[in-house]
C-alpha atoms as a PDB file:
ATOM      1  CA  UNK A   1     -33.446  19.518 -28.323  1.00  0.00           C
ATOM      2  CA  UNK A   2     -30.772  16.936 -27.431  1.00  0.00           C
ATOM      3  CA  UNK A   3     -32.506  16.225 -24.124  1.00  0.00           C
ATOM      4  CA  UNK A   4     -35.752  15.493 -25.948  1.00  0.00           C
ATOM      5  CA  UNK A   5     -33.945  13.121 -28.344  1.00  0.00           C
ATOM      6  CA  UNK A   6     -32.265  11.273 -25.467  1.00  0.00           C
ATOM      7  CA  UNK A   7     -35.542  11.017 -23.563  1.00  0.00           C
ATOM      8  CA  UNK A   8     -37.244   9.686 -26.697  1.00  0.00           C
ATOM      9  CA  UNK A   9     -34.477   7.088 -27.211  1.00  0.00           C
ATOM     10  CA  UNK A  10     -34.646   6.075 -23.547  1.00  0.00           C
ATOM     11  CA  UNK A  11     -38.443   5.804 -23.717  1.00  0.00           C
ATOM     12  CA  UNK A  12     -38.344   3.631 -26.861  1.00  0.00           C
ATOM     13  CA  UNK A  13     -35.819   1.238 -25.311  1.00  0.00           C
ATOM     14  CA  UNK A  14     -37.443   1.013 -21.881  1.00  0.00           C
ATOM     15  CA  UNK A  15     -41.008   0.737 -23.194  1.00  0.00           C
ATOM     16  CA  UNK A  16     -40.260  -2.447 -25.100  1.00  0.00           C
ATOM     17  CA  UNK A  17     -38.528  -5.114 -22.917  1.00  0.00           C
ATOM     18  CA  UNK A  18     -37.521  -7.136 -25.987  1.00  0.00           C
ATOM     19  CA  UNK A  19     -35.776  -4.120 -27.456  1.00  0.00           C
ATOM     20  CA  UNK A  20     -33.991  -3.592 -24.107  1.00  0.00           C
ATOM     21  CA  UNK A  21     -32.810  -7.211 -24.046  1.00  0.00           C
ATOM     22  CA  UNK A  22     -31.594  -7.023 -27.633  1.00  0.00           C
ATOM     23  CA  UNK A  23     -29.731  -3.791 -26.943  1.00  0.00           C
ATOM     24  CA  UNK A  24     -28.058  -5.204 -23.830  1.00  0.00           C
ATOM     25  CA  UNK A  25     -27.242  -8.428 -25.696  1.00  0.00           C
ATOM     26  CA  UNK A  26     -25.669  -6.447 -28.531  1.00  0.00           C
ATOM     27  CA  UNK A  27     -23.576  -4.434 -26.081  1.00  0.00           C
ATOM     28  CA  UNK A  28     -22.484  -7.663 -24.364  1.00  0.00           C
ATOM     29  CA  UNK A  29     -21.492  -9.355 -27.631  1.00  0.00           C
ATOM     30  CA  UNK A  30     -19.637  -6.235 -28.770  1.00  0.00           C
ATOM     31  CA  UNK A  31     -17.737  -6.020 -25.474  1.00  0.00           C
ATOM     32  CA  UNK A  32     -16.835  -9.706 -25.589  1.00  0.00           C
ATOM     33  CA  UNK A  33     -15.664  -9.346 -29.205  1.00  0.00           C
ATOM     34  CA  UNK A  34     -13.381  -6.478 -28.237  1.00  0.00           C
ATOM     35  CA  UNK A  35     -12.003  -8.592 -25.384  1.00  0.00           C
ATOM     36  CA  UNK A  36     -11.307 -11.534 -27.716  1.00  0.00           C
ATOM     37  CA  UNK A  37      -9.649  -9.243 -30.241  1.00  0.00           C
ATOM     38  CA  UNK A  38      -7.320  -7.788 -27.592  1.00  0.00           C
ATOM     39  CA  UNK A  39      -6.453 -11.332 -26.438  1.00  0.00           C
ATOM     40  CA  UNK A  40      -5.632 -12.375 -30.010  1.00  0.00           C
ATOM     41  CA  UNK A  41      -3.386  -9.332 -30.391  1.00  0.00           C
ATOM     42  CA  UNK A  42      -1.417 -10.444 -27.293  1.00  0.00           C
ATOM     43  CA  UNK A  43      -1.035 -13.976 -28.684  1.00  0.00           C
ATOM     44  CA  UNK A  44       0.066 -12.612 -32.058  1.00  0.00           C
ATOM     45  CA  UNK A  45       2.627 -10.378 -30.365  1.00  0.00           C
ATOM     46  CA  UNK A  46       3.917 -13.306 -28.292  1.00  0.00           C
ATOM     47  CA  UNK A  47       4.515 -15.374 -31.427  1.00  0.00           C
ATOM     48  CA  UNK A  48       6.275 -12.580 -33.333  1.00  0.00           C
ATOM     49  CA  UNK A  49       8.714 -11.791 -30.518  1.00  0.00           C
ATOM     50  CA  UNK A  50       9.090 -15.257 -28.968  1.00  0.00           C
ATOM     51  CA  UNK A  51      12.432 -16.867 -29.782  1.00  0.00           C
ATOM     52  CA  UNK A  52      13.949 -13.553 -30.883  1.00  0.00           C
ATOM     53  CA  UNK A  53      17.593 -13.121 -29.869  1.00  0.00           C
ATOM     54  CA  UNK A  54      18.240 -10.073 -27.680  1.00  0.00           C
ATOM     55  CA  UNK A  55      21.635  -8.491 -27.114  1.00  0.00           C
ATOM     56  CA  UNK A  56      21.984  -6.391 -23.982  1.00  0.00           C
ATOM     57  CA  UNK A  57      24.564  -3.620 -23.631  1.00  0.00           C
ATOM     58  CA  UNK A  58      27.857  -4.851 -22.149  1.00  0.00           C
ATOM     59  CA  UNK A  59      27.622  -2.373 -19.269  1.00  0.00           C
ATOM     60  CA  UNK A  60      24.692  -1.987 -16.894  1.00  0.00           C
ATOM     61  CA  UNK A  61      24.179   0.081 -13.749  1.00  0.00           C
ATOM     62  CA  UNK A  62      23.836  -1.214 -10.195  1.00  0.00           C
ATOM     63  CA  UNK A  63      21.495   0.379  -7.624  1.00  0.00           C
ATOM     64  CA  UNK A  64      24.144   2.991  -6.784  1.00  0.00           C
ATOM     65  CA  UNK A  65      24.580   4.023 -10.424  1.00  0.00           C
ATOM     66  CA  UNK A  66      27.955   2.308 -10.809  1.00  0.00           C
ATOM     67  CA  UNK A  67      28.697   0.493 -14.050  1.00  0.00           C
ATOM     68  CA  UNK A  68      28.834  -3.306 -13.898  1.00  0.00           C
ATOM     69  CA  UNK A  69      29.612  -5.824 -16.591  1.00  0.00           C
ATOM     70  CA  UNK A  70      26.963  -7.945 -18.247  1.00  0.00           C
ATOM     71  CA  UNK A  71      29.094 -11.017 -17.439  1.00  0.00           C
ATOM     72  CA  UNK A  72      27.566 -11.066 -13.955  1.00  0.00           C
ATOM     73  CA  UNK A  73      24.320 -12.331 -15.509  1.00  0.00           C
ATOM     74  CA  UNK A  74      25.920 -15.174 -17.465  1.00  0.00           C
ATOM     75  CA  UNK A  75      23.996 -18.461 -17.344  1.00  0.00           C
ATOM     76  CA  UNK A  76      20.809 -16.940 -15.894  1.00  0.00           C
ATOM     77  CA  UNK A  77      17.350 -16.306 -17.196  1.00  0.00           C
ATOM     78  CA  UNK A  78      16.859 -12.546 -17.439  1.00  0.00           C
ATOM     79  CA  UNK A  79      13.650 -10.599 -16.947  1.00  0.00           C
ATOM     80  CA  UNK A  80      13.700  -7.304 -18.818  1.00  0.00           C
ATOM     81  CA  UNK A  81      11.490  -5.164 -16.616  1.00  0.00           C
ATOM     82  CA  UNK A  82      10.038  -2.124 -18.378  1.00  0.00           C
ATOM     83  CA  UNK A  83       8.840   0.133 -15.577  1.00  0.00           C
ATOM     84  CA  UNK A  84       8.851   3.638 -14.082  1.00  0.00           C
ATOM     85  CA  UNK A  85       8.346   5.231 -10.676  1.00  0.00           C
ATOM     86  CA  UNK A  86       5.401   7.352 -11.865  1.00  0.00           C
ATOM     87  CA  UNK A  87       3.445   4.260 -12.977  1.00  0.00           C
ATOM     88  CA  UNK A  88       0.960   3.063 -10.338  1.00  0.00           C
ATOM     89  CA  UNK A  89       0.656  -0.509 -11.677  1.00  0.00           C
ATOM     90  CA  UNK A  90       4.479  -0.685 -11.762  1.00  0.00           C
ATOM     91  CA  UNK A  91       4.692   0.314  -8.103  1.00  0.00           C
ATOM     92  CA  UNK A  92       2.141  -2.397  -7.301  1.00  0.00           C
ATOM     93  CA  UNK A  93       3.931  -5.140  -9.275  1.00  0.00           C
ATOM     94  CA  UNK A  94       7.541  -4.287  -8.325  1.00  0.00           C
ATOM     95  CA  UNK A  95       7.416  -5.748  -4.762  1.00  0.00           C
ATOM     96  CA  UNK A  96       6.029  -9.002  -6.216  1.00  0.00           C
ATOM     97  CA  UNK A  97       8.856  -9.087  -8.745  1.00  0.00           C
ATOM     98  CA  UNK A  98      11.459  -8.430  -6.032  1.00  0.00           C
ATOM     99  CA  UNK A  99      10.081 -11.347  -4.012  1.00  0.00           C
ATOM    100  CA  UNK A 100       9.959 -13.605  -7.083  1.00  0.00           C
ATOM    101  CA  UNK A 101      13.509 -12.680  -8.065  1.00  0.00           C
ATOM    102  CA  UNK A 102      14.770 -13.363  -4.525  1.00  0.00           C
ATOM    103  CA  UNK A 103      13.126 -16.814  -4.571  1.00  0.00           C
ATOM    104  CA  UNK A 104      14.834 -17.634  -7.892  1.00  0.00           C
ATOM    105  CA  UNK A 105      18.048 -15.652  -7.423  1.00  0.00           C
ATOM    106  CA  UNK A 106      20.303 -18.549  -8.403  1.00  0.00           C
ATOM    107  CA  UNK A 107      18.850 -18.873 -11.908  1.00  0.00           C
ATOM    108  CA  UNK A 108      16.966 -15.631 -12.569  1.00  0.00           C
ATOM    109  CA  UNK A 109      17.909 -11.966 -12.610  1.00  0.00           C
ATOM    110  CA  UNK A 110      16.063  -8.806 -13.561  1.00  0.00           C
ATOM    111  CA  UNK A 111      17.313  -5.860 -15.594  1.00  0.00           C
ATOM    112  CA  UNK A 112      15.330  -2.643 -15.278  1.00  0.00           C
ATOM    113  CA  UNK A 113      14.592  -0.758 -18.473  1.00  0.00           C
ATOM    114  CA  UNK A 114      13.317   2.440 -16.907  1.00  0.00           C
ATOM    115  CA  UNK A 115      11.049   5.121 -18.294  1.00  0.00           C
ATOM    116  CA  UNK A 116      11.591   7.712 -15.597  1.00  0.00           C
ATOM    117  CA  UNK A 117      12.225  11.349 -16.439  1.00  0.00           C
ATOM    118  CA  UNK A 118      15.776  11.331 -15.085  1.00  0.00           C
ATOM    119  CA  UNK A 119      18.558   9.062 -13.895  1.00  0.00           C
ATOM    120  CA  UNK A 120      17.992  10.379 -10.358  1.00  0.00           C
ATOM    121  CA  UNK A 121      14.298   9.445 -10.445  1.00  0.00           C
ATOM    122  CA  UNK A 122      15.222   5.939 -11.640  1.00  0.00           C
ATOM    123  CA  UNK A 123      17.849   5.558  -8.899  1.00  0.00           C
ATOM    124  CA  UNK A 124      15.360   6.721  -6.244  1.00  0.00           C
ATOM    125  CA  UNK A 125      12.751   4.288  -7.576  1.00  0.00           C
ATOM    126  CA  UNK A 126      15.231   1.409  -7.378  1.00  0.00           C
ATOM    127  CA  UNK A 127      16.238   2.319  -3.812  1.00  0.00           C
ATOM    128  CA  UNK A 128      12.707   2.948  -2.542  1.00  0.00           C
ATOM    129  CA  UNK A 129      11.473  -0.458  -3.750  1.00  0.00           C
ATOM    130  CA  UNK A 130      14.732  -2.214  -2.823  1.00  0.00           C
ATOM    131  CA  UNK A 131      15.338  -3.495  -6.339  1.00  0.00           C
ATOM    132  CA  UNK A 132      18.433  -5.695  -6.041  1.00  0.00           C
ATOM    133  CA  UNK A 133      19.027  -5.850  -9.782  1.00  0.00           C
ATOM    134  CA  UNK A 134      20.836  -3.966 -12.514  1.00  0.00           C
ATOM    135  CA  UNK A 135      19.431  -1.390 -14.899  1.00  0.00           C
ATOM    136  CA  UNK A 136      20.061   0.063 -18.305  1.00  0.00           C
ATOM    137  CA  UNK A 137      20.968   3.735 -18.303  1.00  0.00           C
ATOM    138  CA  UNK A 138      17.749   5.700 -17.937  1.00  0.00           C
ATOM    139  CA  UNK A 139      16.244   6.672 -21.291  1.00  0.00           C
ATOM    140  CA  UNK A 140      19.399   5.588 -23.112  1.00  0.00           C
ATOM    141  CA  UNK A 141      19.452   4.815 -26.812  1.00  0.00           C
ATOM    142  CA  UNK A 142      19.950   1.120 -25.955  1.00  0.00           C
ATOM    143  CA  UNK A 143      16.832   1.165 -23.748  1.00  0.00           C
ATOM    144  CA  UNK A 144      14.815   2.849 -26.484  1.00  0.00           C
ATOM    145  CA  UNK A 145      15.986   0.393 -29.152  1.00  0.00           C
ATOM    146  CA  UNK A 146      15.251  -2.558 -26.878  1.00  0.00           C
ATOM    147  CA  UNK A 147      11.735  -1.309 -26.203  1.00  0.00           C
ATOM    148  CA  UNK A 148      11.036  -0.764 -29.899  1.00  0.00           C
ATOM    149  CA  UNK A 149      12.539  -4.060 -31.086  1.00  0.00           C
ATOM    150  CA  UNK A 150      10.487  -6.022 -28.524  1.00  0.00           C
ATOM    151  CA  UNK A 151       7.233  -4.153 -29.264  1.00  0.00           C
ATOM    152  CA  UNK A 152       6.767  -2.924 -25.695  1.00  0.00           C
ATOM    153  CA  UNK A 153       3.570  -0.864 -25.717  1.00  0.00           C
ATOM    154  CA  UNK A 154       2.869  -0.321 -22.022  1.00  0.00           C
ATOM    155  CA  UNK A 155       4.345  -0.679 -18.556  1.00  0.00           C
ATOM    156  CA  UNK A 156       4.821  -2.626 -16.390  1.00  0.00           C
ATOM    157  CA  UNK A 157       6.054  -5.202 -18.872  1.00  0.00           C
ATOM    158  CA  UNK A 158       8.336  -8.177 -18.218  1.00  0.00           C
ATOM    159  CA  UNK A 159      10.042 -10.028 -21.061  1.00  0.00           C
ATOM    160  CA  UNK A 160      11.926 -13.166 -20.064  1.00  0.00           C
ATOM    161  CA  UNK A 161      15.097 -14.234 -21.868  1.00  0.00           C
ATOM    162  CA  UNK A 162      16.782 -17.611 -21.603  1.00  0.00           C
ATOM    163  CA  UNK A 163      20.516 -17.792 -20.713  1.00  0.00           C
ATOM    164  CA  UNK A 164      21.362 -17.507 -24.439  1.00  0.00           C
ATOM    165  CA  UNK A 165      19.390 -14.255 -24.808  1.00  0.00           C
ATOM    166  CA  UNK A 166      16.389 -15.696 -26.651  1.00  0.00           C
ATOM    167  CA  UNK A 167      12.914 -14.427 -25.746  1.00  0.00           C
ATOM    168  CA  UNK A 168      11.059 -17.113 -23.800  1.00  0.00           C
ATOM    169  CA  UNK A 169       7.930 -15.059 -23.103  1.00  0.00           C
ATOM    170  CA  UNK A 170       6.601 -11.535 -23.281  1.00  0.00           C
ATOM    171  CA  UNK A 171       4.025 -12.361 -20.597  1.00  0.00           C
ATOM    172  CA  UNK A 172       6.358 -12.500 -17.603  1.00  0.00           C
ATOM    173  CA  UNK A 173       4.256 -10.160 -15.481  1.00  0.00           C
ATOM    174  CA  UNK A 174       1.067 -12.102 -16.149  1.00  0.00           C
ATOM    175  CA  UNK A 175       2.886 -15.403 -15.503  1.00  0.00           C
ATOM    176  CA  UNK A 176       4.133 -14.236 -12.106  1.00  0.00           C
ATOM    177  CA  UNK A 177       0.726 -12.816 -11.176  1.00  0.00           C
ATOM    178  CA  UNK A 178      -1.066 -16.014 -12.243  1.00  0.00           C
ATOM    179  CA  UNK A 179       1.446 -18.775 -11.404  1.00  0.00           C
ATOM    180  CA  UNK A 180       3.464 -17.210  -8.578  1.00  0.00           C
ATOM    181  CA  UNK A 181       6.598 -19.190  -7.773  1.00  0.00           C
ATOM    182  CA  UNK A 182       5.739 -21.739 -10.514  1.00  0.00           C
ATOM    183  CA  UNK A 183       6.281 -19.147 -13.258  1.00  0.00           C
ATOM    184  CA  UNK A 184      10.011 -19.824 -13.451  1.00  0.00           C
ATOM    185  CA  UNK A 185       9.546 -23.559 -14.076  1.00  0.00           C
ATOM    186  CA  UNK A 186       7.012 -22.761 -16.817  1.00  0.00           C
ATOM    187  CA  UNK A 187       9.638 -20.605 -18.552  1.00  0.00           C
ATOM    188  CA  UNK A 188      12.268 -23.338 -18.312  1.00  0.00           C
ATOM    189  CA  UNK A 189       9.810 -25.801 -19.906  1.00  0.00           C
ATOM    190  CA  UNK A 190       9.259 -23.406 -22.840  1.00  0.00           C
ATOM    191  CA  UNK A 191      12.936 -23.463 -23.717  1.00  0.00           C
END
């Protein structure tokens, strides 16, 4: 019965070229509308979080799991990198972020906010991709609160803070992908 209904629907659409064009046009307009809506949601999120003051925990972890003081980041722009080893897009973006960070090492540092299942998995991820930056304790309460307060909905996600801890942009990943080495100067201009 369902096969007959589908065949009938297909026949009605294909028999009349105008109906086919209208159907395809409707699908196109609907798809474009969904795209525009998702873009507007990103802009709305950017404006609600932009300028927000962020306080990081006073102690972070280095690549060996040793505690280091937040003072080592003083005076730098900070990229809060929400990522995990099990995330394919994260593994693709991480080498680009390492290269970008190394090019801007004097004024920019990254802090990993990991979503791995364990501290060991996070440490292995950092070593495998040669991440030269610090991290919050894996799945710590501070990491969870940071993610919630900044409305992080997916990974990889890069939020850039100015040296005073104010959010400059929530589109750090997109900026690096689109602007490359010019992304840092665009963030400085926003301040």
